[in-house]
Amino acid sequence: MLPNHAAADPRVPAAPAPLSDAELARRFADATLDALPHADHVRLAWIYVTREPLARAVARFVDDLQRFATAQG
């Protein structure tokens, strides 16, 4: 197996730190995420349903998803 030299190479930009649950939810709700990969979509659904009653979480998620989709064009 070849060693991973890119990790130690200062010319290679570091990957951004993952967002906390609170930051991901906030940026999703205010439609300031750059993208929404499937893993983050699932993570957000879990965040929503664990923070408030199911019916309210689903309604809020739908509203926020529509806002995000509109912002993405």
PDB file of N, CA and C in Angstrom:
ATOM      1  N   MET A   1       0.849  -1.177   0.000  1.00  0.00           N
ATOM      2  CA  MET A   1       0.000   0.000   0.000  1.00  0.00           C
ATOM      3  C   MET A   1       0.887   1.230   0.000  1.00  0.00           C
ATOM      4  N   LEU A   2       0.519   2.225  -0.807  1.00  0.00           N
ATOM      5  CA  LEU A   2       1.297   3.451  -0.890  1.00  0.00           C
ATOM      6  C   LEU A   2       0.946   4.381   0.266  1.00  0.00           C
ATOM      7  N   PRO A   3       1.929   5.086   0.796  1.00  0.00           N
ATOM      8  CA  PRO A   3       1.629   6.035   1.873  1.00  0.00           C
ATOM      9  C   PRO A   3       0.831   7.208   1.326  1.00  0.00           C
ATOM     10  N   ASN A   4       0.064   7.836   2.176  1.00  0.00           N
ATOM     11  CA  ASN A   4      -0.735   8.995   1.790  1.00  0.00           C
ATOM     12  C   ASN A   4       0.074  10.252   2.046  1.00  0.00           C
ATOM     13  N   HIS A   5       0.770  10.729   1.020  1.00  0.00           N
ATOM     14  CA  HIS A   5       1.611  11.917   1.168  1.00  0.00           C
ATOM     15  C   HIS A   5       0.803  13.204   1.134  1.00  0.00           C
ATOM     16  N   ALA A   6      -0.389  13.175   0.533  1.00  0.00           N
ATOM     17  CA  ALA A   6      -1.184  14.387   0.413  1.00  0.00           C
ATOM     18  C   ALA A   6      -1.556  14.968   1.774  1.00  0.00           C
ATOM     19  N   ALA A   7      -1.744  14.110   2.758  1.00  0.00           N
ATOM     20  CA  ALA A   7      -2.139  14.595   4.080  1.00  0.00           C
ATOM     21  C   ALA A   7      -1.068  15.492   4.692  1.00  0.00           C
ATOM     22  N   ALA A   8       0.190  15.239   4.376  1.00  0.00           N
ATOM     23  CA  ALA A   8       1.283  16.021   4.947  1.00  0.00           C
ATOM     24  C   ALA A   8       1.743  17.143   4.019  1.00  0.00           C
ATOM     25  N   ASP A   9       1.224  17.205   2.809  1.00  0.00           N
ATOM     26  CA  ASP A   9       1.636  18.196   1.818  1.00  0.00           C
ATOM     27  C   ASP A   9       0.903  19.516   2.074  1.00  0.00           C
ATOM     28  N   PRO A  10       1.612  20.586   2.435  1.00  0.00           N
ATOM     29  CA  PRO A  10       0.946  21.854   2.733  1.00  0.00           C
ATOM     30  C   PRO A  10       0.289  22.489   1.508  1.00  0.00           C
ATOM     31  N   ARG A  11       0.617  22.021   0.303  1.00  0.00           N
ATOM     32  CA  ARG A  11       0.005  22.564  -0.914  1.00  0.00           C
ATOM     33  C   ARG A  11      -1.399  22.009  -1.143  1.00  0.00           C
ATOM     34  N   VAL A  12      -1.726  20.926  -0.440  1.00  0.00           N
ATOM     35  CA  VAL A  12      -3.046  20.314  -0.588  1.00  0.00           C
ATOM     36  C   VAL A  12      -3.967  20.923   0.455  1.00  0.00           C
ATOM     37  N   PRO A  13      -5.055  21.563   0.008  1.00  0.00           N
ATOM     38  CA  PRO A  13      -5.944  22.188   1.004  1.00  0.00           C
ATOM     39  C   PRO A  13      -6.615  21.145   1.890  1.00  0.00           C
ATOM     40  N   ALA A  14      -6.760  21.506   3.130  1.00  0.00           N
ATOM     41  CA  ALA A  14      -7.418  20.600   4.081  1.00  0.00           C
ATOM     42  C   ALA A  14      -8.922  20.576   3.813  1.00  0.00           C
ATOM     43  N   ALA A  15      -9.527  19.448   4.074  1.00  0.00           N
ATOM     44  CA  ALA A  15     -10.986  19.344   3.951  1.00  0.00           C
ATOM     45  C   ALA A  15     -11.622  20.193   5.043  1.00  0.00           C
ATOM     46  N   PRO A  16     -12.766  20.810   4.739  1.00  0.00           N
ATOM     47  CA  PRO A  16     -13.416  21.618   5.778  1.00  0.00           C
ATOM     48  C   PRO A  16     -13.888  20.733   6.928  1.00  0.00           C
ATOM     49  N   ALA A  17     -13.889  21.304   8.105  1.00  0.00           N
ATOM     50  CA  ALA A  17     -14.367  20.560   9.272  1.00  0.00           C
ATOM     51  C   ALA A  17     -15.856  20.304   9.110  1.00  0.00           C
ATOM     52  N   PRO A  18     -16.321  19.139   9.532  1.00  0.00           N
ATOM     53  CA  PRO A  18     -17.762  18.867   9.421  1.00  0.00           C
ATOM     54  C   PRO A  18     -18.548  19.822  10.325  1.00  0.00           C
ATOM     55  N   LEU A  19     -19.747  20.150   9.881  1.00  0.00           N
ATOM     56  CA  LEU A  19     -20.598  21.044  10.664  1.00  0.00           C
ATOM     57  C   LEU A  19     -21.199  20.303  11.851  1.00  0.00           C
ATOM     58  N   SER A  20     -21.379  21.009  12.939  1.00  0.00           N
ATOM     59  CA  SER A  20     -22.110  20.443  14.080  1.00  0.00           C
ATOM     60  C   SER A  20     -23.566  20.269  13.661  1.00  0.00           C
ATOM     61  N   ASP A  21     -24.319  19.480  14.436  1.00  0.00           N
ATOM     62  CA  ASP A  21     -25.738  19.311  14.142  1.00  0.00           C
ATOM     63  C   ASP A  21     -26.449  20.663  14.154  1.00  0.00           C
ATOM     64  N   ALA A  22     -26.151  21.487  15.140  1.00  0.00           N
ATOM     65  CA  ALA A  22     -26.808  22.792  15.262  1.00  0.00           C
ATOM     66  C   ALA A  22     -26.491  23.678  14.067  1.00  0.00           C
ATOM     67  N   GLU A  23     -25.242  23.703  13.646  1.00  0.00           N
ATOM     68  CA  GLU A  23     -24.842  24.537  12.507  1.00  0.00           C
ATOM     69  C   GLU A  23     -25.440  24.014  11.208  1.00  0.00           C
ATOM     70  N   LEU A  24     -25.451  22.696  11.018  1.00  0.00           N
ATOM     71  CA  LEU A  24     -26.051  22.114   9.816  1.00  0.00           C
ATOM     72  C   LEU A  24     -27.534  22.464   9.754  1.00  0.00           C
ATOM     73  N   ALA A  25     -28.252  22.306  10.854  1.00  0.00           N
ATOM     74  CA  ALA A  25     -29.681  22.605  10.887  1.00  0.00           C
ATOM     75  C   ALA A  25     -29.934  24.093  10.650  1.00  0.00           C
ATOM     76  N   ARG A  26     -29.129  24.954  11.248  1.00  0.00           N
ATOM     77  CA  ARG A  26     -29.302  26.400  11.068  1.00  0.00           C
ATOM     78  C   ARG A  26     -29.074  26.801   9.616  1.00  0.00           C
ATOM     79  N   ARG A  27     -27.991  26.302   9.028  1.00  0.00           N
ATOM     80  CA  ARG A  27     -27.671  26.670   7.642  1.00  0.00           C
ATOM     81  C   ARG A  27     -28.660  26.068   6.656  1.00  0.00           C
ATOM     82  N   PHE A  28     -29.233  24.902   6.974  1.00  0.00           N
ATOM     83  CA  PHE A  28     -30.276  24.326   6.139  1.00  0.00           C
ATOM     84  C   PHE A  28     -31.534  25.192   6.231  1.00  0.00           C
ATOM     85  N   ALA A  29     -31.934  25.543   7.451  1.00  0.00           N
ATOM     86  CA  ALA A  29     -33.148  26.328   7.665  1.00  0.00           C
ATOM     87  C   ALA A  29     -33.070  27.704   7.020  1.00  0.00           C
ATOM     88  N   ASP A  30     -31.887  28.309   7.031  1.00  0.00           N
ATOM     89  CA  ASP A  30     -31.791  29.634   6.401  1.00  0.00           C
ATOM     90  C   ASP A  30     -31.249  29.565   4.973  1.00  0.00           C
ATOM     91  N   ALA A  31     -31.178  28.327   4.434  1.00  0.00           N
ATOM     92  CA  ALA A  31     -30.828  28.086   3.022  1.00  0.00           C
ATOM     93  C   ALA A  31     -29.459  28.633   2.636  1.00  0.00           C
ATOM     94  N   THR A  32     -28.484  28.506   3.539  1.00  0.00           N
ATOM     95  CA  THR A  32     -27.137  28.978   3.224  1.00  0.00           C
ATOM     96  C   THR A  32     -26.137  27.851   3.017  1.00  0.00           C
ATOM     97  N   LEU A  33     -26.617  26.603   2.988  1.00  0.00           N
ATOM     98  CA  LEU A  33     -25.725  25.485   2.641  1.00  0.00           C
ATOM     99  C   LEU A  33     -25.404  25.565   1.156  1.00  0.00           C
ATOM    100  N   ASP A  34     -24.197  25.169   0.782  1.00  0.00           N
ATOM    101  CA  ASP A  34     -23.826  25.149  -0.630  1.00  0.00           C
ATOM    102  C   ASP A  34     -24.471  23.982  -1.360  1.00  0.00           C
ATOM    103  N   ALA A  35     -24.657  22.881  -0.673  1.00  0.00           N
ATOM    104  CA  ALA A  35     -25.213  21.665  -1.271  1.00  0.00           C
ATOM    105  C   ALA A  35     -25.837  20.833  -0.159  1.00  0.00           C
ATOM    106  N   LEU A  36     -26.591  19.823  -0.564  1.00  0.00           N
ATOM    107  CA  LEU A  36     -27.217  18.934   0.412  1.00  0.00           C
ATOM    108  C   LEU A  36     -27.051  17.490  -0.049  1.00  0.00           C
ATOM    109  N   PRO A  37     -25.884  16.905   0.238  1.00  0.00           N
ATOM    110  CA  PRO A  37     -25.706  15.504  -0.125  1.00  0.00           C
ATOM    111  C   PRO A  37     -26.663  14.600   0.660  1.00  0.00           C
ATOM    112  N   HIS A  38     -26.892  13.423   0.129  1.00  0.00           N
ATOM    113  CA  HIS A  38     -27.863  12.507   0.730  1.00  0.00           C
ATOM    114  C   HIS A  38     -27.587  12.260   2.216  1.00  0.00           C
ATOM    115  N   ALA A  39     -26.344  12.058   2.578  1.00  0.00           N
ATOM    116  CA  ALA A  39     -26.013  11.782   3.984  1.00  0.00           C
ATOM    117  C   ALA A  39     -26.446  12.937   4.885  1.00  0.00           C
ATOM    118  N   ASP A  40     -26.277  14.183   4.430  1.00  0.00           N
ATOM    119  CA  ASP A  40     -26.709  15.329   5.233  1.00  0.00           C
ATOM    120  C   ASP A  40     -28.229  15.440   5.268  1.00  0.00           C
ATOM    121  N   HIS A  41     -28.889  15.068   4.182  1.00  0.00           N
ATOM    122  CA  HIS A  41     -30.361  15.070   4.153  1.00  0.00           C
ATOM    123  C   HIS A  41     -30.900  14.112   5.213  1.00  0.00           C
ATOM    124  N   VAL A  42     -30.341  12.920   5.273  1.00  0.00           N
ATOM    125  CA  VAL A  42     -30.760  11.930   6.273  1.00  0.00           C
ATOM    126  C   VAL A  42     -30.412  12.416   7.679  1.00  0.00           C
ATOM    127  N   ARG A  43     -29.222  12.962   7.831  1.00  0.00           N
ATOM    128  CA  ARG A  43     -28.799  13.487   9.144  1.00  0.00           C
ATOM    129  C   ARG A  43     -29.746  14.597   9.605  1.00  0.00           C
ATOM    130  N   LEU A  44     -30.113  15.490   8.696  1.00  0.00           N
ATOM    131  CA  LEU A  44     -31.041  16.568   9.048  1.00  0.00           C
ATOM    132  C   LEU A  44     -32.403  16.032   9.468  1.00  0.00           C
ATOM    133  N   ALA A  45     -32.902  15.046   8.747  1.00  0.00           N
ATOM    134  CA  ALA A  45     -34.191  14.459   9.121  1.00  0.00           C
ATOM    135  C   ALA A  45     -34.115  13.927  10.550  1.00  0.00           C
ATOM    136  N   TRP A  46     -33.046  13.253  10.869  1.00  0.00           N
ATOM    137  CA  TRP A  46     -32.869  12.722  12.228  1.00  0.00           C
ATOM    138  C   TRP A  46     -32.794  13.854  13.251  1.00  0.00           C
ATOM    139  N   ILE A  47     -32.050  14.898  12.936  1.00  0.00           N
ATOM    140  CA  ILE A  47     -31.941  16.045  13.840  1.00  0.00           C
ATOM    141  C   ILE A  47     -33.337  16.624  14.116  1.00  0.00           C
ATOM    142  N   TYR A  48     -34.111  16.811  13.071  1.00  0.00           N
ATOM    143  CA  TYR A  48     -35.441  17.394  13.230  1.00  0.00           C
ATOM    144  C   TYR A  48     -36.348  16.515  14.092  1.00  0.00           C
ATOM    145  N   VAL A  49     -36.395  15.214  13.806  1.00  0.00           N
ATOM    146  CA  VAL A  49     -37.345  14.352  14.539  1.00  0.00           C
ATOM    147  C   VAL A  49     -36.914  14.071  15.968  1.00  0.00           C
ATOM    148  N   THR A  50     -35.663  14.325  16.293  1.00  0.00           N
ATOM    149  CA  THR A  50     -35.228  14.129  17.678  1.00  0.00           C
ATOM    150  C   THR A  50     -35.336  15.403  18.505  1.00  0.00           C
ATOM    151  N   ARG A  51     -35.657  16.515  17.881  1.00  0.00           N
ATOM    152  CA  ARG A  51     -35.738  17.791  18.607  1.00  0.00           C
ATOM    153  C   ARG A  51     -37.152  18.222  18.950  1.00  0.00           C
ATOM    154  N   GLU A  52     -38.136  17.709  18.233  1.00  0.00           N
ATOM    155  CA  GLU A  52     -39.504  18.136  18.500  1.00  0.00           C
ATOM    156  C   GLU A  52     -40.477  17.036  18.094  1.00  0.00           C
ATOM    157  N   PRO A  53     -41.741  17.174  18.447  1.00  0.00           N
ATOM    158  CA  PRO A  53     -42.720  16.142  18.101  1.00  0.00           C
ATOM    159  C   PRO A  53     -42.739  15.877  16.587  1.00  0.00           C
ATOM    160  N   LEU A  54     -43.043  14.645  16.222  1.00  0.00           N
ATOM    161  CA  LEU A  54     -42.924  14.197  14.840  1.00  0.00           C
ATOM    162  C   LEU A  54     -43.688  15.080  13.854  1.00  0.00           C
ATOM    163  N   ALA A  55     -44.950  15.366  14.106  1.00  0.00           N
ATOM    164  CA  ALA A  55     -45.736  16.158  13.151  1.00  0.00           C
ATOM    165  C   ALA A  55     -45.115  17.534  12.936  1.00  0.00           C
ATOM    166  N   ARG A  56     -44.673  18.173  14.004  1.00  0.00           N
ATOM    167  CA  ARG A  56     -44.046  19.487  13.892  1.00  0.00           C
ATOM    168  C   ARG A  56     -42.707  19.390  13.168  1.00  0.00           C
ATOM    169  N   ALA A  57     -41.944  18.340  13.469  1.00  0.00           N
ATOM    170  CA  ALA A  57     -40.645  18.147  12.820  1.00  0.00           C
ATOM    171  C   ALA A  57     -40.808  17.947  11.315  1.00  0.00           C
ATOM    172  N   VAL A  58     -41.788  17.138  10.929  1.00  0.00           N
ATOM    173  CA  VAL A  58     -42.013  16.885   9.498  1.00  0.00           C
ATOM    174  C   VAL A  58     -42.436  18.173   8.798  1.00  0.00           C
ATOM    175  N   ALA A  59     -43.349  18.915   9.388  1.00  0.00           N
ATOM    176  CA  ALA A  59     -43.799  20.167   8.779  1.00  0.00           C
ATOM    177  C   ALA A  59     -42.649  21.159   8.641  1.00  0.00           C
ATOM    178  N   ARG A  60     -41.842  21.272   9.673  1.00  0.00           N
ATOM    179  CA  ARG A  60     -40.695  22.197   9.629  1.00  0.00           C
ATOM    180  C   ARG A  60     -39.676  21.744   8.588  1.00  0.00           C
ATOM    181  N   PHE A  61     -39.422  20.440   8.528  1.00  0.00           N
ATOM    182  CA  PHE A  61     -38.457  19.920   7.555  1.00  0.00           C
ATOM    183  C   PHE A  61     -38.933  20.208   6.135  1.00  0.00           C
ATOM    184  N   VAL A  62     -40.209  19.977   5.864  1.00  0.00           N
ATOM    185  CA  VAL A  62     -40.759  20.240   4.525  1.00  0.00           C
ATOM    186  C   VAL A  62     -40.612  21.723   4.180  1.00  0.00           C
ATOM    187  N   ASP A  63     -40.974  22.602   5.109  1.00  0.00           N
ATOM    188  CA  ASP A  63     -40.847  24.044   4.869  1.00  0.00           C
ATOM    189  C   ASP A  63     -39.396  24.430   4.589  1.00  0.00           C
ATOM    190  N   ASP A  64     -38.495  23.923   5.408  1.00  0.00           N
ATOM    191  CA  ASP A  64     -37.079  24.263   5.243  1.00  0.00           C
ATOM    192  C   ASP A  64     -36.511  23.676   3.960  1.00  0.00           C
ATOM    193  N   LEU A  65     -36.944  22.480   3.592  1.00  0.00           N
ATOM    194  CA  LEU A  65     -36.467  21.864   2.352  1.00  0.00           C
ATOM    195  C   LEU A  65     -36.957  22.671   1.141  1.00  0.00           C
ATOM    196  N   GLN A  66     -38.188  23.132   1.173  1.00  0.00           N
ATOM    197  CA  GLN A  66     -38.707  23.960   0.075  1.00  0.00           C
ATOM    198  C   GLN A  66     -37.932  25.270  -0.022  1.00  0.00           C
ATOM    199  N   ARG A  67     -37.630  25.880   1.115  1.00  0.00           N
ATOM    200  CA  ARG A  67     -36.841  27.114   1.135  1.00  0.00           C
ATOM    201  C   ARG A  67     -35.451  26.859   0.556  1.00  0.00           C
ATOM    202  N   PHE A  68     -34.831  25.758   0.976  1.00  0.00           N
ATOM    203  CA  PHE A  68     -33.498  25.415   0.480  1.00  0.00           C
ATOM    204  C   PHE A  68     -33.531  25.181  -1.026  1.00  0.00           C
ATOM    205  N   ALA A  69     -34.523  24.413  -1.509  1.00  0.00           N
ATOM    206  CA  ALA A  69     -34.621  24.110  -2.948  1.00  0.00           C
ATOM    207  C   ALA A  69     -34.829  25.388  -3.762  1.00  0.00           C
ATOM    208  N   THR A  70     -35.656  26.280  -3.249  1.00  0.00           N
ATOM    209  CA  THR A  70     -35.893  27.558  -3.938  1.00  0.00           C
ATOM    210  C   THR A  70     -34.603  28.368  -4.021  1.00  0.00           C
ATOM    211  N   ALA A  71     -33.864  28.390  -2.936  1.00  0.00           N
ATOM    212  CA  ALA A  71     -32.594  29.143  -2.922  1.00  0.00           C
ATOM    213  C   ALA A  71     -31.567  28.541  -3.880  1.00  0.00           C
ATOM    214  N   GLN A  72     -31.627  27.217  -4.063  1.00  0.00           N
ATOM    215  CA  GLN A  72     -30.689  26.560  -4.971  1.00  0.00           C
ATOM    216  C   GLN A  72     -31.042  26.778  -6.440  1.00  0.00           C
ATOM    217  N   GLY A  73     -32.285  27.175  -6.696  1.00  0.00           N
ATOM    218  CA  GLY A  73     -32.713  27.452  -8.069  1.00  0.00           C
ATOM    219  C   GLY A  73     -33.306  26.274  -8.696  1.00  0.00           C
TER     220      GLY A  73
END
